[in-house]
Structure formats: structure tokens, C-alpha cells
Amino acid sequence: MKRVNVPEGYKIGALHDLGFRTVAMALKEDSLCIDSPRLMREQRLAIVLGTEGDGLAAETIETCDYTVRIPMAQGVDSLNVAAASAVAFWQLGTMTRCLEQMKEEGL
């Protein structure tokens, strides 16, 4: 089997073609906080995570719709990918459940 490198932006583009908005989990100065109300408005989010150590390629981050960070205690500069994904899925899932409940209650 031959390995073929697919440009990172193409993979993100495929998610966009399927109707997803993409969230790059990365530490950048202009990153949104994981609990940002802007993320609550999105119907379909795909979370993009990088490898431990290197993180996401700059091209991948630029191709995503949002760059999001998880707030951490002072002195902590990163989480491993398993912890970061658990926090992201929990937070964004909680936001989704809250929105659905608010709609059901007519709020």
C-alpha cells in the first residue's frame, strides 16, 4: 500500500463541504475560550486536535473557522490530547444540551 500525503487544508475543506464549522484546539493569543457564546450558535462543530507536543500545523489552524483554547491554571501551558479532547467534548456537549433544553422550555 502506498502512502499519499493529503494537504491538511483539504481535510478541513471536506468537513466544511459536509456542513461543519471547524474548531482548531490551539493556544493562540486570538483564540476563543471553549465556553464562548459564539460556539453555542453553531449547529455542527468538528473539533480538530493536534498531536501531543507538536500540536496542529499552522496551515490547519488557519483553515479552521475558529481557534479555541481551554482555560488553564497559571503555570500550566498545555494538556495532553486525551485530556483536551475530553474537556472540549464535555464543554461543547454541555452547551448543546443546555440550548436544547432552553428551546424545549421556550426560553
N, C-alpha and C. Protein backbone atom coordinates (compact mmCIF):
# COMPACT_ATOMS: atom_id res chain seq x y z
N MET A 1 0.85 -1.18 0.00
CA MET A 1 0.00 0.00 0.00
C MET A 1 0.89 1.24 0.00
N LYS A 2 0.59 2.18 -0.85
CA LYS A 2 1.36 3.40 -0.96
C LYS A 2 0.74 4.49 -0.09
N ARG A 3 1.59 5.17 0.65
CA ARG A 3 1.12 6.27 1.49
C ARG A 3 1.10 7.55 0.65
N VAL A 4 0.01 8.26 0.73
CA VAL A 4 -0.13 9.52 -0.01
C VAL A 4 -0.40 10.62 1.00
N ASN A 5 0.37 11.69 0.93
CA ASN A 5 0.14 12.84 1.82
C ASN A 5 -0.92 13.74 1.22
N VAL A 6 -1.95 13.95 1.99
CA VAL A 6 -3.04 14.83 1.58
C VAL A 6 -2.84 16.16 2.29
N PRO A 7 -2.86 17.27 1.57
CA PRO A 7 -2.70 18.57 2.23
C PRO A 7 -3.71 18.75 3.35
N GLU A 8 -3.25 19.27 4.49
CA GLU A 8 -4.11 19.42 5.66
C GLU A 8 -5.38 20.22 5.35
N GLY A 9 -5.25 21.29 4.59
CA GLY A 9 -6.41 22.12 4.29
C GLY A 9 -7.51 21.37 3.57
N TYR A 10 -7.14 20.37 2.78
CA TYR A 10 -8.14 19.59 2.05
C TYR A 10 -9.01 18.81 3.02
N LYS A 11 -8.42 18.26 4.05
CA LYS A 11 -9.18 17.51 5.04
C LYS A 11 -10.20 18.40 5.75
N ILE A 12 -9.78 19.58 6.10
CA ILE A 12 -10.69 20.53 6.75
C ILE A 12 -11.76 20.96 5.74
N GLY A 13 -11.37 21.14 4.50
CA GLY A 13 -12.33 21.50 3.46
C GLY A 13 -13.42 20.46 3.30
N ALA A 14 -13.08 19.19 3.47
CA ALA A 14 -14.08 18.13 3.38
C ALA A 14 -15.11 18.27 4.50
N LEU A 15 -14.67 18.64 5.68
CA LEU A 15 -15.61 18.88 6.79
C LEU A 15 -16.52 20.06 6.47
N HIS A 16 -15.95 21.12 5.91
CA HIS A 16 -16.76 22.28 5.50
C HIS A 16 -17.79 21.87 4.45
N ASP A 17 -17.37 21.03 3.50
CA ASP A 17 -18.30 20.56 2.46
C ASP A 17 -19.47 19.78 3.05
N LEU A 18 -19.25 19.13 4.19
CA LEU A 18 -20.30 18.36 4.86
C LEU A 18 -21.17 19.24 5.78
N GLY A 19 -20.90 20.54 5.80
CA GLY A 19 -21.72 21.46 6.58
C GLY A 19 -21.22 21.71 7.99
N PHE A 20 -20.00 21.31 8.29
CA PHE A 20 -19.45 21.55 9.62
C PHE A 20 -18.67 22.85 9.67
N ARG A 21 -18.72 23.52 10.80
CA ARG A 21 -17.79 24.59 11.13
C ARG A 21 -16.69 23.91 11.94
N THR A 22 -15.46 24.34 11.78
CA THR A 22 -14.35 23.64 12.40
C THR A 22 -13.71 24.45 13.52
N VAL A 23 -13.29 23.73 14.55
CA VAL A 23 -12.69 24.31 15.74
C VAL A 23 -11.29 23.71 15.90
N ALA A 24 -10.27 24.54 15.75
CA ALA A 24 -8.90 24.10 16.00
C ALA A 24 -8.59 24.32 17.48
N MET A 25 -8.22 23.27 18.17
CA MET A 25 -7.83 23.39 19.57
C MET A 25 -6.36 23.78 19.59
N ALA A 26 -6.07 25.05 19.89
CA ALA A 26 -4.70 25.54 19.84
C ALA A 26 -4.53 26.75 20.76
N LEU A 27 -3.33 26.91 21.25
CA LEU A 27 -3.01 28.05 22.11
C LEU A 27 -2.51 29.19 21.25
N LYS A 28 -3.38 30.16 21.02
CA LYS A 28 -3.02 31.36 20.27
C LYS A 28 -3.59 32.55 21.02
N GLU A 29 -2.98 33.70 20.85
CA GLU A 29 -3.45 34.90 21.55
C GLU A 29 -4.89 35.25 21.19
N ASP A 30 -5.29 35.01 19.94
CA ASP A 30 -6.63 35.39 19.50
C ASP A 30 -7.63 34.23 19.58
N SER A 31 -7.29 33.19 20.33
CA SER A 31 -8.19 32.04 20.48
C SER A 31 -9.42 32.42 21.29
N LEU A 32 -10.54 31.80 20.94
CA LEU A 32 -11.76 31.93 21.74
C LEU A 32 -11.65 30.99 22.93
N CYS A 33 -12.28 31.34 24.01
CA CYS A 33 -12.37 30.44 25.15
C CYS A 33 -13.39 29.34 24.80
N ILE A 34 -13.18 28.14 25.30
CA ILE A 34 -14.04 26.99 24.99
C ILE A 34 -15.51 27.24 25.35
N ASP A 35 -15.78 28.16 26.28
CA ASP A 35 -17.17 28.43 26.66
C ASP A 35 -17.74 29.68 25.97
N SER A 36 -17.14 30.09 24.87
CA SER A 36 -17.59 31.28 24.15
C SER A 36 -19.02 31.10 23.62
N PRO A 37 -19.87 32.11 23.80
CA PRO A 37 -21.22 32.06 23.24
C PRO A 37 -21.24 31.92 21.72
N ARG A 38 -20.17 32.39 21.05
CA ARG A 38 -20.11 32.25 19.58
C ARG A 38 -20.18 30.78 19.17
N LEU A 39 -19.59 29.90 19.97
CA LEU A 39 -19.61 28.48 19.65
C LEU A 39 -20.99 27.88 19.88
N MET A 40 -21.75 28.45 20.82
CA MET A 40 -23.09 27.94 21.11
C MET A 40 -24.03 28.12 19.93
N ARG A 41 -23.78 29.12 19.11
CA ARG A 41 -24.66 29.40 17.97
C ARG A 41 -24.47 28.41 16.83
N GLU A 42 -23.39 27.68 16.83
CA GLU A 42 -23.09 26.77 15.73
C GLU A 42 -23.86 25.46 15.88
N GLN A 43 -24.47 25.02 14.79
CA GLN A 43 -25.25 23.78 14.80
C GLN A 43 -24.38 22.54 14.66
N ARG A 44 -23.33 22.64 13.86
CA ARG A 44 -22.47 21.47 13.60
C ARG A 44 -21.01 21.88 13.74
N LEU A 45 -20.36 21.37 14.76
CA LEU A 45 -18.95 21.68 15.00
C LEU A 45 -18.12 20.41 14.90
N ALA A 46 -16.99 20.52 14.26
CA ALA A 46 -16.00 19.45 14.22
C ALA A 46 -14.77 19.96 14.98
N ILE A 47 -14.33 19.19 15.96
CA ILE A 47 -13.18 19.57 16.77
C ILE A 47 -11.93 18.96 16.15
N VAL A 48 -10.93 19.80 15.90
CA VAL A 48 -9.69 19.36 15.28
C VAL A 48 -8.58 19.45 16.34
N LEU A 49 -7.96 18.30 16.62
CA LEU A 49 -6.92 18.21 17.63
C LEU A 49 -5.59 17.84 16.99
N GLY A 50 -4.51 18.36 17.54
CA GLY A 50 -3.19 18.03 17.03
C GLY A 50 -2.55 16.93 17.84
N THR A 51 -1.33 16.63 17.48
CA THR A 51 -0.58 15.62 18.21
C THR A 51 -0.02 16.23 19.49
N GLU A 52 0.28 15.37 20.44
CA GLU A 52 0.91 15.85 21.66
C GLU A 52 2.31 16.33 21.31
N GLY A 53 2.68 17.44 21.87
CA GLY A 53 4.00 18.01 21.58
C GLY A 53 3.95 19.03 20.47
N ASP A 54 3.71 18.59 19.24
CA ASP A 54 3.72 19.49 18.08
C ASP A 54 2.41 20.25 17.90
N GLY A 55 1.31 19.68 18.32
CA GLY A 55 0.02 20.34 18.12
C GLY A 55 -0.40 20.32 16.66
N LEU A 56 -1.19 21.29 16.28
CA LEU A 56 -1.67 21.40 14.89
C LEU A 56 -0.71 22.22 14.05
N ALA A 57 -0.64 21.89 12.78
CA ALA A 57 0.15 22.68 11.83
C ALA A 57 -0.51 24.05 11.66
N ALA A 58 0.30 25.07 11.44
CA ALA A 58 -0.21 26.43 11.27
C ALA A 58 -1.24 26.49 10.14
N GLU A 59 -1.01 25.76 9.07
CA GLU A 59 -1.93 25.74 7.93
C GLU A 59 -3.30 25.19 8.34
N THR A 60 -3.30 24.18 9.18
CA THR A 60 -4.55 23.59 9.66
C THR A 60 -5.32 24.59 10.51
N ILE A 61 -4.62 25.26 11.40
CA ILE A 61 -5.25 26.26 12.27
C ILE A 61 -5.87 27.37 11.43
N GLU A 62 -5.14 27.83 10.43
CA GLU A 62 -5.64 28.91 9.56
C GLU A 62 -6.87 28.49 8.77
N THR A 63 -6.98 27.22 8.43
CA THR A 63 -8.10 26.72 7.62
C THR A 63 -9.37 26.55 8.45
N CYS A 64 -9.22 26.39 9.75
CA CYS A 64 -10.39 26.20 10.63
C CYS A 64 -11.16 27.50 10.82
N ASP A 65 -12.43 27.38 11.13
CA ASP A 65 -13.28 28.56 11.34
C ASP A 65 -12.98 29.26 12.65
N TYR A 66 -12.67 28.49 13.67
CA TYR A 66 -12.37 29.03 15.00
C TYR A 66 -11.10 28.41 15.54
N THR A 67 -10.38 29.17 16.34
CA THR A 67 -9.29 28.63 17.15
C THR A 67 -9.73 28.78 18.59
N VAL A 68 -9.69 27.68 19.33
CA VAL A 68 -10.26 27.64 20.67
C VAL A 68 -9.22 27.14 21.67
N ARG A 69 -9.25 27.73 22.86
CA ARG A 69 -8.36 27.31 23.92
C ARG A 69 -9.16 26.91 25.14
N ILE A 70 -8.55 26.09 25.96
CA ILE A 70 -9.13 25.67 27.24
C ILE A 70 -8.42 26.48 28.32
N PRO A 71 -9.16 27.21 29.16
CA PRO A 71 -8.51 27.96 30.23
C PRO A 71 -7.80 27.00 31.19
N MET A 72 -6.60 27.38 31.60
CA MET A 72 -5.82 26.52 32.49
C MET A 72 -5.23 27.35 33.62
N ALA A 73 -4.90 26.68 34.69
CA ALA A 73 -4.30 27.34 35.85
C ALA A 73 -2.95 27.93 35.46
N GLN A 74 -2.56 28.98 36.17
CA GLN A 74 -1.28 29.61 35.92
C GLN A 74 -0.16 28.58 36.08
N GLY A 75 0.77 28.59 35.16
CA GLY A 75 1.88 27.65 35.20
C GLY A 75 1.64 26.39 34.38
N VAL A 76 0.40 26.16 33.95
CA VAL A 76 0.09 25.02 33.09
C VAL A 76 0.01 25.56 31.67
N ASP A 77 0.84 25.03 30.78
CA ASP A 77 0.86 25.58 29.42
C ASP A 77 0.17 24.71 28.39
N SER A 78 -0.16 23.46 28.75
CA SER A 78 -0.88 22.63 27.78
C SER A 78 -1.46 21.40 28.48
N LEU A 79 -2.37 20.75 27.78
CA LEU A 79 -2.95 19.48 28.22
C LEU A 79 -2.59 18.43 27.20
N ASN A 80 -2.53 17.17 27.61
CA ASN A 80 -2.31 16.15 26.60
C ASN A 80 -3.59 16.01 25.77
N VAL A 81 -3.47 15.38 24.61
CA VAL A 81 -4.58 15.36 23.66
C VAL A 81 -5.81 14.64 24.23
N ALA A 82 -5.61 13.62 25.06
CA ALA A 82 -6.75 12.91 25.65
C ALA A 82 -7.51 13.83 26.61
N ALA A 83 -6.79 14.55 27.45
CA ALA A 83 -7.44 15.47 28.40
C ALA A 83 -8.11 16.63 27.66
N ALA A 84 -7.43 17.18 26.67
CA ALA A 84 -8.00 18.30 25.90
C ALA A 84 -9.27 17.88 25.18
N SER A 85 -9.26 16.69 24.58
CA SER A 85 -10.46 16.25 23.86
C SER A 85 -11.61 15.99 24.84
N ALA A 86 -11.31 15.42 26.00
CA ALA A 86 -12.36 15.18 26.99
C ALA A 86 -13.00 16.48 27.45
N VAL A 87 -12.19 17.48 27.72
CA VAL A 87 -12.72 18.78 28.15
C VAL A 87 -13.54 19.42 27.03
N ALA A 88 -13.02 19.39 25.81
CA ALA A 88 -13.72 20.01 24.68
C ALA A 88 -15.06 19.33 24.42
N PHE A 89 -15.06 18.00 24.37
CA PHE A 89 -16.32 17.29 24.12
C PHE A 89 -17.32 17.53 25.24
N TRP A 90 -16.86 17.54 26.48
CA TRP A 90 -17.75 17.77 27.62
C TRP A 90 -18.35 19.18 27.53
N GLN A 91 -17.50 20.18 27.37
CA GLN A 91 -17.98 21.56 27.36
C GLN A 91 -18.92 21.83 26.20
N LEU A 92 -18.52 21.43 25.00
CA LEU A 92 -19.37 21.70 23.84
C LEU A 92 -20.64 20.85 23.87
N GLY A 93 -20.56 19.65 24.41
CA GLY A 93 -21.75 18.81 24.58
C GLY A 93 -22.71 19.40 25.59
N THR A 94 -22.16 19.94 26.68
CA THR A 94 -22.99 20.58 27.71
C THR A 94 -23.70 21.79 27.13
N MET A 95 -22.97 22.58 26.33
CA MET A 95 -23.58 23.75 25.71
C MET A 95 -24.74 23.34 24.81
N THR A 96 -24.54 22.28 24.04
CA THR A 96 -25.59 21.80 23.14
C THR A 96 -26.81 21.34 23.93
N ARG A 97 -26.59 20.57 24.98
CA ARG A 97 -27.71 20.10 25.81
C ARG A 97 -28.46 21.26 26.45
N CYS A 98 -27.74 22.27 26.91
CA CYS A 98 -28.40 23.44 27.51
C CYS A 98 -29.26 24.18 26.50
N LEU A 99 -28.75 24.34 25.29
CA LEU A 99 -29.53 25.01 24.25
C LEU A 99 -30.80 24.25 23.92
N GLU A 100 -30.67 22.93 23.80
CA GLU A 100 -31.84 22.10 23.50
C GLU A 100 -32.88 22.20 24.61
N GLN A 101 -32.44 22.20 25.85
CA GLN A 101 -33.35 22.31 26.99
C GLN A 101 -34.02 23.68 27.00
N MET A 102 -33.26 24.73 26.70
CA MET A 102 -33.83 26.08 26.66
C MET A 102 -34.91 26.17 25.58
N LYS A 103 -34.67 25.57 24.43
CA LYS A 103 -35.66 25.58 23.36
C LYS A 103 -36.93 24.85 23.77
N GLU A 104 -36.75 23.70 24.43
CA GLU A 104 -37.91 22.93 24.90
C GLU A 104 -38.74 23.70 25.91
N GLU A 105 -38.07 24.52 26.71
CA GLU A 105 -38.75 25.29 27.75
C GLU A 105 -39.23 26.64 27.24
N GLY A 106 -38.96 26.93 25.98
CA GLY A 106 -39.43 28.18 25.38
C GLY A 106 -38.66 29.40 25.83
N LEU A 107 -37.44 29.23 26.26
CA LEU A 107 -36.61 30.35 26.71
C LEU A 107 -35.79 30.94 25.60
